[in-house]
Amino acid sequence: RRVAVTMDIAAGSVTIVIEDNGRGFLLETTHEDMESPHWGLVTMRERAAAIGGRCTIETSPGRGTRVTVEAPR
C-alpha cells in the first residue's frame, strides 16, 4: 500500500532508500548460492558493487522491505 523513495546527496556519496509496507520475506532464503536465487536482489548488489557502492536489504515477513543503495559520487 505504501512505497517511499528518498535520495540523499552528500559531497562524496549518494544514498537511495526504497521502502514499502508490503509482505516482506525471509532474506536468508535469497542467497546467491541457492538453487533458485532471487536474481533481482543479486543483480542490485552486483550493480552497486560495480560502481564501488553497496546495496543492503532489510526485510522480514509481514514487516515490509527496505533497500538501501550507497554509492560514491
Protein backbone atom coordinates (compact mmCIF):
# COMPACT_ATOMS: atom_id res chain seq x y z
CA ARG A 1 0.00 0.00 0.00
CA ARG A 2 2.88 2.40 0.63
CA VAL A 3 6.23 2.90 -1.07
CA ALA A 4 8.68 5.66 -0.20
CA VAL A 5 11.76 6.59 -2.21
CA THR A 6 14.31 9.00 -0.79
CA MET A 7 17.64 10.24 -2.07
CA ASP A 8 20.40 11.91 -0.08
CA ILE A 9 23.21 13.57 -1.99
CA ALA A 10 26.34 14.37 0.01
CA ALA A 11 29.74 15.70 -1.06
CA GLY A 12 31.18 12.26 -1.78
CA SER A 13 28.22 9.90 -1.93
CA VAL A 14 24.63 9.29 -2.95
CA THR A 15 22.22 7.21 -0.88
CA ILE A 16 18.90 5.96 -2.23
CA VAL A 17 16.39 4.25 0.05
CA ILE A 18 13.31 2.42 -1.21
CA GLU A 19 10.95 1.05 1.41
CA ASP A 20 7.47 -0.40 1.46
CA ASN A 21 4.99 -1.75 3.95
CA GLY A 22 4.40 -4.94 1.96
CA ARG A 23 4.61 -8.60 2.90
CA GLY A 24 8.37 -8.78 3.30
CA PHE A 25 10.21 -12.10 3.06
CA LEU A 26 12.92 -14.20 4.68
CA LEU A 27 16.16 -12.72 3.40
CA GLU A 28 18.17 -15.84 4.24
CA THR A 29 16.21 -17.74 1.57
CA THR A 30 17.52 -15.46 -1.19
CA HIS A 31 21.29 -16.05 -1.14
CA GLU A 32 23.16 -16.36 -4.43
CA ASP A 33 24.39 -19.88 -3.59
CA MET A 34 20.88 -21.36 -3.50
CA GLU A 35 19.47 -23.44 -6.32
CA SER A 36 16.95 -20.72 -7.24
CA PRO A 37 18.37 -17.35 -6.19
CA HIS A 38 16.29 -14.19 -6.46
CA TRP A 39 18.09 -12.65 -9.43
CA GLY A 40 16.70 -9.15 -8.88
CA LEU A 41 18.36 -8.97 -5.46
CA VAL A 42 21.58 -10.50 -6.75
CA THR A 43 21.70 -8.03 -9.65
CA MET A 44 21.08 -4.99 -7.42
CA ARG A 45 24.01 -5.97 -5.21
CA GLU A 46 26.27 -6.65 -8.20
CA ARG A 47 25.44 -3.32 -9.87
CA ALA A 48 26.08 -1.37 -6.68
CA ALA A 49 29.41 -3.15 -6.19
CA ALA A 50 30.38 -2.49 -9.83
CA ILE A 51 30.37 1.28 -9.17
CA GLY A 52 32.10 0.99 -5.80
CA GLY A 53 28.92 1.08 -3.74
CA ARG A 54 26.87 -1.31 -1.71
CA CYS A 55 23.27 -2.47 -1.52
CA THR A 56 21.70 -3.60 1.74
CA ILE A 57 18.29 -5.17 2.19
CA GLU A 58 16.29 -5.25 5.40
CA THR A 59 13.09 -7.30 5.47
CA SER A 60 11.07 -9.81 7.39
CA PRO A 61 7.72 -11.48 6.78
CA GLY A 62 4.82 -9.14 7.46
CA ARG A 63 7.09 -6.12 8.03
CA GLY A 64 7.83 -4.76 4.56
CA THR A 65 11.18 -4.26 2.87
CA ARG A 66 13.85 -1.55 2.85
CA VAL A 67 16.53 -1.44 0.15
CA THR A 68 19.42 1.00 0.64
CA VAL A 69 21.96 1.72 -2.08
CA GLU A 70 25.02 3.79 -1.22
CA ALA A 71 27.41 4.81 -3.97
CA PRO A 72 30.29 7.24 -4.40
CA ARG A 73 29.69 10.37 -6.44
